[in-house]
Amino acid sequence: MLEKLADAVRTLTLTNVLIMALIVVIMVPAFFAYRFISDTEFRREFLQNAVMVDKHVPCIVLEGHRLAQNTRHTVLYPFEPDDKRMEKVVGLRAPGLLTDKEIDEACQKVLTMANEVLKR
């Protein structure tokens, strides 16, 4: 069996090796295009964008947008419940961009929500 494999490798010409390499080079972008067209979750990864912005509040503030939608803020606060099994996140998503004052108010709401969840 190994002898047959070794004979097959020995009979490859430079042209055969280049053709196989070309097939591999063409398959990678073709597979990417196929996944992009057929898989909505895969496509969603490339059509949305979010950046963390520093607004000097105790919450995490994300500024993000999806394709063909306006930029908007999301205010999040991660916390660890008493059982300490996993970290949880409470957040608010605004319909658009928020001013610094509105971000501060949203952060206070998120902190209040996190405290309510911890009390349960």
Protein backbone atom coordinates (compact mmCIF):
# COMPACT_ATOMS: atom_id res chain seq x y z
CA MET A 1 0.00 0.00 0.00
CA LEU A 2 2.77 2.44 0.90
CA GLU A 3 4.67 1.42 -2.21
CA LYS A 4 1.69 2.31 -4.40
CA LEU A 5 1.40 5.70 -2.69
CA ALA A 6 5.14 6.32 -3.13
CA ASP A 7 4.90 5.37 -6.82
CA ALA A 8 1.96 7.75 -7.30
CA VAL A 9 3.94 10.60 -5.72
CA ARG A 10 7.00 9.83 -7.88
CA THR A 11 4.94 9.96 -11.07
CA LEU A 12 3.63 13.47 -10.38
CA THR A 13 5.02 16.06 -12.72
CA LEU A 14 5.49 19.72 -11.97
CA THR A 15 2.40 20.47 -14.03
CA ASN A 16 0.30 18.07 -11.96
CA VAL A 17 1.51 19.65 -8.70
CA LEU A 18 0.79 23.16 -10.00
CA ILE A 19 -2.70 22.16 -11.11
CA MET A 20 -3.46 20.66 -7.68
CA ALA A 21 -2.17 23.83 -6.00
CA LEU A 22 -4.35 25.95 -8.30
CA ILE A 23 -7.40 23.85 -7.42
CA VAL A 24 -6.76 24.41 -3.71
CA VAL A 25 -6.24 28.15 -4.22
CA ILE A 26 -9.54 28.39 -6.11
CA MET A 27 -11.47 26.25 -3.61
CA VAL A 28 -10.83 28.53 -0.60
CA PRO A 29 -12.57 31.67 -1.95
CA ALA A 30 -15.24 29.53 -3.61
CA PHE A 31 -16.05 27.90 -0.28
CA PHE A 32 -16.13 31.34 1.39
CA ALA A 33 -18.55 32.62 -1.28
CA TYR A 34 -20.73 29.52 -0.92
CA ARG A 35 -20.93 29.95 2.87
CA PHE A 36 -21.63 33.68 2.52
CA ILE A 37 -24.53 33.04 0.15
CA SER A 38 -26.05 30.02 1.87
CA ASP A 39 -25.46 30.53 5.63
CA THR A 40 -27.20 33.53 7.21
CA GLU A 41 -25.26 33.31 10.48
CA PHE A 42 -21.95 33.34 8.59
CA ARG A 43 -23.12 36.29 6.49
CA ARG A 44 -24.31 38.20 9.54
CA GLU A 45 -20.75 38.17 10.94
CA PHE A 46 -19.55 40.26 8.01
CA LEU A 47 -22.50 42.62 7.74
CA GLN A 48 -22.46 44.03 11.25
CA ASN A 49 -19.90 46.03 13.09
CA ALA A 50 -19.56 47.13 16.72
CA VAL A 51 -16.89 49.11 18.55
CA MET A 52 -16.49 49.65 22.28
CA VAL A 53 -16.41 53.34 23.12
CA ASP A 54 -15.14 54.88 26.33
CA LYS A 55 -17.80 57.15 27.80
CA HIS A 56 -16.43 57.11 31.38
CA VAL A 57 -19.36 55.18 32.82
CA PRO A 58 -19.23 51.87 34.76
CA CYS A 59 -21.01 50.08 31.90
CA ILE A 60 -19.78 48.77 28.58
CA VAL A 61 -20.92 51.01 25.73
CA LEU A 62 -20.98 49.58 22.20
CA GLU A 63 -21.49 51.66 19.10
CA GLY A 64 -22.59 49.39 16.30
CA HIS A 65 -24.44 49.17 13.04
CA ARG A 66 -25.82 46.55 10.72
CA LEU A 67 -25.94 46.77 6.97
CA ALA A 68 -28.49 49.35 5.81
CA GLN A 69 -29.31 50.45 9.36
CA ASN A 70 -28.35 53.49 11.40
CA THR A 71 -25.60 53.44 14.00
CA ARG A 72 -26.87 52.88 17.53
CA HIS A 73 -25.61 52.48 21.07
CA THR A 74 -25.90 49.42 23.29
CA VAL A 75 -25.22 49.78 27.02
CA LEU A 76 -24.24 46.57 28.86
CA TYR A 77 -23.24 45.59 32.37
CA PRO A 78 -21.73 42.16 33.10
CA PHE A 79 -22.21 40.75 36.59
CA GLU A 80 -21.68 37.50 38.46
CA PRO A 81 -24.70 36.16 40.35
CA ASP A 82 -24.45 34.64 43.81
CA ASP A 83 -24.23 31.06 42.53
CA LYS A 84 -21.06 32.04 40.59
CA ARG A 85 -21.72 29.45 37.91
CA MET A 86 -21.59 31.87 35.01
CA GLU A 87 -21.33 35.54 34.24
CA LYS A 88 -24.51 37.25 33.09
CA VAL A 89 -25.07 40.42 31.09
CA VAL A 90 -27.85 42.98 31.33
CA GLY A 91 -28.17 45.57 28.61
CA LEU A 92 -30.23 48.15 26.78
CA ARG A 93 -30.14 48.80 23.06
CA ALA A 94 -31.04 52.28 21.89
CA PRO A 95 -32.75 52.91 18.55
CA GLY A 96 -30.02 55.40 17.61
CA LEU A 97 -27.03 57.30 18.90
CA LEU A 98 -27.24 58.63 22.45
CA THR A 99 -25.80 61.77 23.98
CA ASP A 100 -23.40 61.46 26.92
CA LYS A 101 -26.23 62.31 29.34
CA GLU A 102 -28.50 59.66 27.80
CA ILE A 103 -25.69 57.10 28.00
CA ASP A 104 -25.24 57.91 31.69
CA GLU A 105 -29.00 57.51 32.28
CA ALA A 106 -29.05 54.22 30.33
CA CYS A 107 -26.10 52.97 32.38
CA GLN A 108 -27.95 53.78 35.61
CA LYS A 109 -31.01 51.86 34.32
CA VAL A 110 -28.81 48.87 33.45
CA LEU A 111 -27.18 48.94 36.89
CA THR A 112 -30.64 49.05 38.50
CA MET A 113 -31.74 46.10 36.36
CA ALA A 114 -28.62 44.13 37.37
CA ASN A 115 -29.30 44.83 41.05
CA GLU A 116 -32.91 43.65 40.64
CA VAL A 117 -31.72 40.43 39.04
CA LEU A 118 -29.24 39.87 41.87
CA LYS A 119 -31.98 40.35 44.50
CA ARG A 120 -34.08 37.49 43.07
